[in-house]
Amino acid sequence: MRILGFSQKWAKLDNARFTTFRFTRRDRDWTVGEMVDVVYRPRSKKRRILGLARIVKKEIRAAMLGNLAIEVSGVPVVTHAEAEADGFPGGVEEMLQWLKKAGRPDPTINKLTLRWVARYREWF
């Protein structure tokens, strides 16, 4: 089972359903119906498995070019409302700054909607 990691305590993880944006993968992209372990601090010795979730929806969005969200071949861009719902109160601009840290040149990004199947732990 694959890990879907989070490095911050996003409030959205307290909801029964939540969304997250993940870069597309060439080796094995995320799929609807896939079960994932949701993990806090996945690359740390203090890693915590928060629970098991199922991907219930996958939508493709245009990611970015430099600091700008652009439409790529008819793929819709991430909206301000989507960015806010994903935990970025500053909207798309704040989200793009967060994603820019990853330094990925991919023109598209996955918007995944997940539903908790089982929750193992609270934050602390």
N, C-alpha and C. Protein backbone atom coordinates (compact mmCIF):
# COMPACT_ATOMS: atom_id res chain seq x y z
N MET A 1 0.85 -1.17 0.00
CA MET A 1 0.00 0.00 0.00
C MET A 1 0.89 1.24 0.00
N ARG A 2 0.50 2.21 -0.79
CA ARG A 2 1.31 3.43 -0.88
C ARG A 2 0.98 4.41 0.23
N ILE A 3 1.94 5.28 0.46
CA ILE A 3 1.82 6.30 1.49
C ILE A 3 1.46 7.63 0.83
N LEU A 4 0.52 8.33 1.43
CA LEU A 4 0.19 9.69 1.04
C LEU A 4 0.57 10.55 2.24
N GLY A 5 1.68 11.25 2.13
CA GLY A 5 2.24 11.95 3.27
C GLY A 5 1.90 13.42 3.33
N PHE A 6 1.82 13.92 4.55
CA PHE A 6 1.60 15.33 4.82
C PHE A 6 2.66 15.80 5.80
N SER A 7 3.20 16.97 5.55
CA SER A 7 4.25 17.50 6.42
C SER A 7 3.73 18.60 7.35
N GLN A 8 2.45 18.94 7.21
CA GLN A 8 1.83 19.93 8.08
C GLN A 8 0.53 19.38 8.63
N LYS A 9 0.09 19.93 9.73
CA LYS A 9 -1.18 19.54 10.33
C LYS A 9 -2.31 20.32 9.66
N TRP A 10 -2.72 19.88 8.51
CA TRP A 10 -3.79 20.55 7.78
C TRP A 10 -5.13 20.27 8.45
N ALA A 11 -5.92 21.30 8.65
CA ALA A 11 -7.24 21.15 9.26
C ALA A 11 -8.15 20.25 8.43
N LYS A 12 -7.93 20.22 7.12
CA LYS A 12 -8.78 19.43 6.24
C LYS A 12 -8.74 17.94 6.59
N LEU A 13 -7.67 17.48 7.24
CA LEU A 13 -7.55 16.07 7.57
C LEU A 13 -8.51 15.64 8.67
N ASP A 14 -9.16 16.59 9.32
CA ASP A 14 -10.17 16.28 10.33
C ASP A 14 -11.53 15.98 9.70
N ASN A 15 -11.68 16.28 8.41
CA ASN A 15 -12.94 16.04 7.71
C ASN A 15 -13.05 14.59 7.26
N ALA A 16 -14.28 14.10 7.09
CA ALA A 16 -14.50 12.74 6.60
C ALA A 16 -14.00 12.58 5.17
N ARG A 17 -14.16 13.65 4.37
CA ARG A 17 -13.62 13.70 3.00
C ARG A 17 -12.72 14.91 2.91
N PHE A 18 -11.63 14.78 2.20
CA PHE A 18 -10.72 15.90 2.03
C PHE A 18 -10.04 15.80 0.68
N THR A 19 -9.50 16.93 0.23
CA THR A 19 -8.79 16.95 -1.04
C THR A 19 -7.32 17.27 -0.80
N THR A 20 -6.53 16.86 -1.75
CA THR A 20 -5.11 17.20 -1.75
C THR A 20 -4.64 17.24 -3.19
N PHE A 21 -3.63 18.04 -3.43
CA PHE A 21 -3.06 18.14 -4.77
C PHE A 21 -1.73 17.39 -4.77
N ARG A 22 -1.54 16.54 -5.76
CA ARG A 22 -0.31 15.77 -5.89
C ARG A 22 0.15 15.83 -7.34
N PHE A 23 1.46 15.94 -7.52
CA PHE A 23 2.00 15.94 -8.87
C PHE A 23 1.72 14.60 -9.53
N THR A 24 1.53 14.63 -10.84
CA THR A 24 1.36 13.39 -11.59
C THR A 24 2.65 12.59 -11.49
N ARG A 25 2.52 11.27 -11.60
CA ARG A 25 3.69 10.40 -11.50
C ARG A 25 3.81 9.60 -12.79
N ARG A 26 5.02 9.45 -13.25
CA ARG A 26 5.26 8.69 -14.47
C ARG A 26 5.26 7.19 -14.21
N ASP A 27 5.75 6.79 -13.04
CA ASP A 27 5.86 5.36 -12.77
C ASP A 27 4.50 4.72 -12.46
N ARG A 28 3.76 5.31 -11.56
CA ARG A 28 2.45 4.78 -11.18
C ARG A 28 1.64 5.92 -10.60
N ASP A 29 0.81 6.52 -11.42
CA ASP A 29 0.02 7.66 -10.97
C ASP A 29 -1.09 7.18 -10.04
N TRP A 30 -1.63 8.11 -9.28
CA TRP A 30 -2.72 7.82 -8.34
C TRP A 30 -3.96 7.39 -9.12
N THR A 31 -4.75 6.46 -8.56
CA THR A 31 -5.94 5.98 -9.24
C THR A 31 -7.15 6.01 -8.30
N VAL A 32 -8.32 6.18 -8.88
CA VAL A 32 -9.57 6.14 -8.11
C VAL A 32 -9.75 4.73 -7.58
N GLY A 33 -10.14 4.62 -6.32
CA GLY A 33 -10.33 3.33 -5.68
C GLY A 33 -9.11 2.84 -4.93
N GLU A 34 -7.98 3.46 -5.17
CA GLU A 34 -6.75 3.06 -4.49
C GLU A 34 -6.82 3.39 -3.00
N MET A 35 -6.35 2.45 -2.18
CA MET A 35 -6.27 2.66 -0.74
C MET A 35 -4.86 3.14 -0.41
N VAL A 36 -4.77 4.14 0.46
CA VAL A 36 -3.47 4.71 0.83
C VAL A 36 -3.38 4.87 2.34
N ASP A 37 -2.18 4.73 2.86
CA ASP A 37 -1.92 5.07 4.25
C ASP A 37 -1.65 6.56 4.31
N VAL A 38 -2.41 7.29 5.10
CA VAL A 38 -2.21 8.72 5.27
C VAL A 38 -1.25 8.89 6.45
N VAL A 39 -0.14 9.58 6.17
CA VAL A 39 0.94 9.67 7.13
C VAL A 39 1.32 11.12 7.38
N TYR A 40 1.59 11.44 8.63
CA TYR A 40 2.11 12.76 9.01
C TYR A 40 3.61 12.61 9.20
N ARG A 41 4.36 13.52 8.58
CA ARG A 41 5.83 13.49 8.59
C ARG A 41 6.37 12.17 8.04
N PRO A 42 6.11 11.87 6.78
CA PRO A 42 6.48 10.56 6.22
C PRO A 42 7.98 10.27 6.18
N ARG A 43 8.81 11.29 6.17
CA ARG A 43 10.26 11.07 6.06
C ARG A 43 10.99 11.36 7.36
N SER A 44 10.30 11.25 8.46
CA SER A 44 10.87 11.59 9.75
C SER A 44 10.83 10.38 10.69
N LYS A 45 11.68 10.40 11.68
CA LYS A 45 11.64 9.36 12.72
C LYS A 45 10.37 9.52 13.56
N LYS A 46 9.78 10.71 13.54
CA LYS A 46 8.55 10.98 14.28
C LYS A 46 7.30 10.75 13.43
N ARG A 47 7.43 9.96 12.40
CA ARG A 47 6.33 9.67 11.47
C ARG A 47 5.16 9.05 12.21
N ARG A 48 3.95 9.48 11.84
CA ARG A 48 2.72 8.94 12.43
C ARG A 48 1.76 8.53 11.32
N ILE A 49 1.30 7.31 11.39
CA ILE A 49 0.27 6.85 10.45
C ILE A 49 -1.06 7.31 11.02
N LEU A 50 -1.75 8.16 10.26
CA LEU A 50 -3.01 8.72 10.73
C LEU A 50 -4.20 7.82 10.42
N GLY A 51 -4.09 7.05 9.34
CA GLY A 51 -5.20 6.17 9.00
C GLY A 51 -5.15 5.68 7.58
N LEU A 52 -6.21 5.05 7.19
CA LEU A 52 -6.36 4.47 5.86
C LEU A 52 -7.45 5.25 5.13
N ALA A 53 -7.17 5.64 3.90
CA ALA A 53 -8.14 6.39 3.11
C ALA A 53 -8.22 5.81 1.70
N ARG A 54 -9.35 6.07 1.06
CA ARG A 54 -9.56 5.62 -0.32
C ARG A 54 -9.66 6.85 -1.21
N ILE A 55 -9.02 6.80 -2.36
CA ILE A 55 -9.15 7.87 -3.35
C ILE A 55 -10.51 7.68 -4.03
N VAL A 56 -11.40 8.65 -3.86
CA VAL A 56 -12.75 8.53 -4.43
C VAL A 56 -12.93 9.35 -5.70
N LYS A 57 -12.02 10.29 -5.94
CA LYS A 57 -12.13 11.12 -7.14
C LYS A 57 -10.76 11.66 -7.51
N LYS A 58 -10.51 11.72 -8.80
CA LYS A 58 -9.25 12.27 -9.30
C LYS A 58 -9.57 13.21 -10.46
N GLU A 59 -9.09 14.44 -10.34
CA GLU A 59 -9.29 15.43 -11.40
C GLU A 59 -7.92 15.99 -11.76
N ILE A 60 -7.73 16.29 -13.02
CA ILE A 60 -6.47 16.88 -13.47
C ILE A 60 -6.63 18.40 -13.49
N ARG A 61 -5.65 19.09 -12.98
CA ARG A 61 -5.61 20.55 -12.99
C ARG A 61 -4.28 21.01 -13.56
N ALA A 62 -4.29 22.19 -14.15
CA ALA A 62 -3.04 22.79 -14.60
C ALA A 62 -2.30 23.28 -13.37
N ALA A 63 -1.03 23.02 -13.31
CA ALA A 63 -0.24 23.36 -12.13
C ALA A 63 0.30 24.76 -12.25
N MET A 64 1.48 24.93 -12.82
CA MET A 64 2.07 26.26 -12.84
C MET A 64 3.17 26.36 -13.88
N LEU A 65 3.49 27.58 -14.18
CA LEU A 65 4.63 27.91 -15.01
C LEU A 65 5.27 29.11 -14.34
N GLY A 66 6.40 28.91 -13.74
CA GLY A 66 7.00 29.97 -12.94
C GLY A 66 6.11 30.23 -11.75
N ASN A 67 5.62 31.44 -11.59
CA ASN A 67 4.72 31.77 -10.50
C ASN A 67 3.27 31.84 -10.95
N LEU A 68 2.99 31.48 -12.18
CA LEU A 68 1.65 31.64 -12.72
C LEU A 68 0.96 30.30 -12.94
N ALA A 69 -0.30 30.22 -12.57
CA ALA A 69 -1.12 29.06 -12.91
C ALA A 69 -1.57 29.27 -14.34
N ILE A 70 -1.39 28.27 -15.17
CA ILE A 70 -1.77 28.40 -16.58
C ILE A 70 -2.66 27.25 -16.99
N GLU A 71 -3.46 27.48 -18.00
CA GLU A 71 -4.29 26.42 -18.55
C GLU A 71 -3.45 25.65 -19.56
N VAL A 72 -3.48 24.34 -19.49
CA VAL A 72 -2.70 23.49 -20.38
C VAL A 72 -3.65 22.61 -21.17
N SER A 73 -3.72 22.81 -22.46
CA SER A 73 -4.53 21.99 -23.36
C SER A 73 -5.95 21.77 -22.85
N GLY A 74 -6.60 22.83 -22.41
CA GLY A 74 -7.98 22.73 -21.97
C GLY A 74 -8.16 22.21 -20.55
N VAL A 75 -7.07 21.91 -19.86
CA VAL A 75 -7.15 21.45 -18.46
C VAL A 75 -7.38 22.68 -17.59
N PRO A 76 -8.39 22.67 -16.74
CA PRO A 76 -8.66 23.86 -15.91
C PRO A 76 -7.56 24.10 -14.88
N VAL A 77 -7.37 25.35 -14.56
CA VAL A 77 -6.38 25.72 -13.55
C VAL A 77 -6.98 25.54 -12.16
N VAL A 78 -6.13 25.47 -11.17
CA VAL A 78 -6.57 25.42 -9.78
C VAL A 78 -7.23 26.75 -9.46
N THR A 79 -8.44 26.71 -8.93
CA THR A 79 -9.15 27.94 -8.62
C THR A 79 -8.79 28.44 -7.22
N HIS A 80 -9.13 29.70 -6.97
CA HIS A 80 -8.89 30.30 -5.65
C HIS A 80 -9.65 29.52 -4.57
N ALA A 81 -10.90 29.14 -4.87
CA ALA A 81 -11.72 28.40 -3.91
C ALA A 81 -11.12 27.02 -3.61
N GLU A 82 -10.61 26.35 -4.65
CA GLU A 82 -9.99 25.04 -4.44
C GLU A 82 -8.75 25.16 -3.56
N ALA A 83 -7.96 26.18 -3.81
CA ALA A 83 -6.75 26.39 -3.01
C ALA A 83 -7.10 26.68 -1.55
N GLU A 84 -8.12 27.51 -1.33
CA GLU A 84 -8.55 27.80 0.04
C GLU A 84 -9.07 26.55 0.74
N ALA A 85 -9.87 25.75 0.02
CA ALA A 85 -10.41 24.51 0.60
C ALA A 85 -9.29 23.52 0.91
N ASP A 86 -8.20 23.62 0.19
CA ASP A 86 -7.07 22.71 0.39
C ASP A 86 -6.16 23.17 1.53
N GLY A 87 -6.50 24.29 2.15
CA GLY A 87 -5.73 24.74 3.31
C GLY A 87 -4.85 25.95 3.09
N PHE A 88 -5.02 26.64 1.97
CA PHE A 88 -4.22 27.82 1.66
C PHE A 88 -5.10 29.06 1.72
N PRO A 89 -5.14 29.75 2.87
CA PRO A 89 -6.00 30.93 3.01
C PRO A 89 -5.64 32.05 2.04
N GLY A 90 -4.41 32.08 1.56
CA GLY A 90 -3.98 33.09 0.60
C GLY A 90 -4.35 32.74 -0.83
N GLY A 91 -5.06 31.63 -1.01
CA GLY A 91 -5.53 31.23 -2.33
C GLY A 91 -4.45 30.62 -3.21
N VAL A 92 -4.66 30.78 -4.51
CA VAL A 92 -3.79 30.16 -5.51
C VAL A 92 -2.35 30.62 -5.37
N GLU A 93 -2.14 31.90 -5.10
CA GLU A 93 -0.78 32.42 -5.01
C GLU A 93 0.00 31.71 -3.90
N GLU A 94 -0.63 31.56 -2.74
CA GLU A 94 0.02 30.88 -1.62
C GLU A 94 0.27 29.40 -1.95
N MET A 95 -0.69 28.78 -2.61
CA MET A 95 -0.55 27.37 -2.98
C MET A 95 0.61 27.18 -3.96
N LEU A 96 0.70 28.07 -4.94
CA LEU A 96 1.77 27.95 -5.93
C LEU A 96 3.15 28.11 -5.28
N GLN A 97 3.25 28.98 -4.29
CA GLN A 97 4.51 29.13 -3.57
C GLN A 97 4.87 27.83 -2.85
N TRP A 98 3.86 27.19 -2.26
CA TRP A 98 4.07 25.92 -1.57
C TRP A 98 4.53 24.85 -2.57
N LEU A 99 3.85 24.76 -3.71
CA LEU A 99 4.19 23.74 -4.70
C LEU A 99 5.54 24.01 -5.36
N LYS A 100 5.90 25.27 -5.45
CA LYS A 100 7.15 25.66 -6.09
C LYS A 100 8.35 25.05 -5.37
N LYS A 101 8.21 24.82 -4.07
CA LYS A 101 9.29 24.21 -3.29
C LYS A 101 9.70 22.85 -3.87
N ALA A 102 8.72 22.16 -4.44
CA ALA A 102 9.00 20.83 -5.00
C ALA A 102 9.83 20.92 -6.27
N GLY A 103 9.77 22.06 -6.97
CA GLY A 103 10.59 22.27 -8.15
C GLY A 103 10.28 21.34 -9.31
N ARG A 104 9.05 20.89 -9.42
CA ARG A 104 8.68 19.99 -10.51
C ARG A 104 8.24 20.78 -11.74
N PRO A 105 8.73 20.41 -12.90
CA PRO A 105 8.36 21.12 -14.12
C PRO A 105 7.06 20.63 -14.76
N ASP A 106 6.38 19.66 -14.14
CA ASP A 106 5.17 19.09 -14.74
C ASP A 106 4.10 20.16 -14.94
N PRO A 107 3.46 20.16 -16.11
CA PRO A 107 2.43 21.17 -16.36
C PRO A 107 1.09 20.84 -15.71
N THR A 108 0.89 19.60 -15.25
CA THR A 108 -0.39 19.24 -14.64
C THR A 108 -0.18 18.66 -13.24
N ILE A 109 -1.27 18.68 -12.50
CA ILE A 109 -1.26 18.18 -11.12
C ILE A 109 -2.59 17.48 -10.88
N ASN A 110 -2.58 16.47 -10.02
CA ASN A 110 -3.80 15.74 -9.68
C ASN A 110 -4.49 16.39 -8.48
N LYS A 111 -5.78 16.57 -8.58
CA LYS A 111 -6.58 16.96 -7.42
C LYS A 111 -7.27 15.67 -6.97
N LEU A 112 -6.86 15.17 -5.81
CA LEU A 112 -7.39 13.92 -5.30
C LEU A 112 -8.39 14.21 -4.18
N THR A 113 -9.52 13.54 -4.22
CA THR A 113 -10.49 13.59 -3.14
C THR A 113 -10.42 12.24 -2.45
N LEU A 114 -10.21 12.28 -1.14
CA LEU A 114 -10.08 11.05 -0.36
C LEU A 114 -11.16 10.97 0.70
N ARG A 115 -11.49 9.76 1.08
CA ARG A 115 -12.45 9.51 2.16
C ARG A 115 -11.79 8.57 3.15
N TRP A 116 -11.87 8.93 4.42
CA TRP A 116 -11.30 8.08 5.46
C TRP A 116 -12.03 6.75 5.49
N VAL A 117 -11.29 5.67 5.59
CA VAL A 117 -11.85 4.34 5.78
C VAL A 117 -11.67 3.95 7.25
N ALA A 118 -10.47 4.24 7.77
CA ALA A 118 -10.17 3.97 9.18
C ALA A 118 -9.17 5.00 9.66
N ARG A 119 -9.39 5.52 10.84
CA ARG A 119 -8.45 6.47 11.43
C ARG A 119 -7.75 5.77 12.57
N TYR A 120 -6.43 5.80 12.53
CA TYR A 120 -5.64 5.09 13.54
C TYR A 120 -5.27 5.95 14.72
N ARG A 121 -4.91 7.22 14.45
CA ARG A 121 -4.41 8.08 15.52
C ARG A 121 -4.90 9.50 15.35
N GLU A 122 -4.95 10.16 16.44
CA GLU A 122 -5.17 11.59 16.39
C GLU A 122 -3.80 12.22 16.17
N TRP A 123 -3.76 13.54 16.06
CA TRP A 123 -2.49 14.21 15.77
C TRP A 123 -1.44 13.94 16.83
N PHE A 124 -1.83 14.00 18.10
CA PHE A 124 -0.86 13.75 19.17
C PHE A 124 -1.46 12.91 20.25
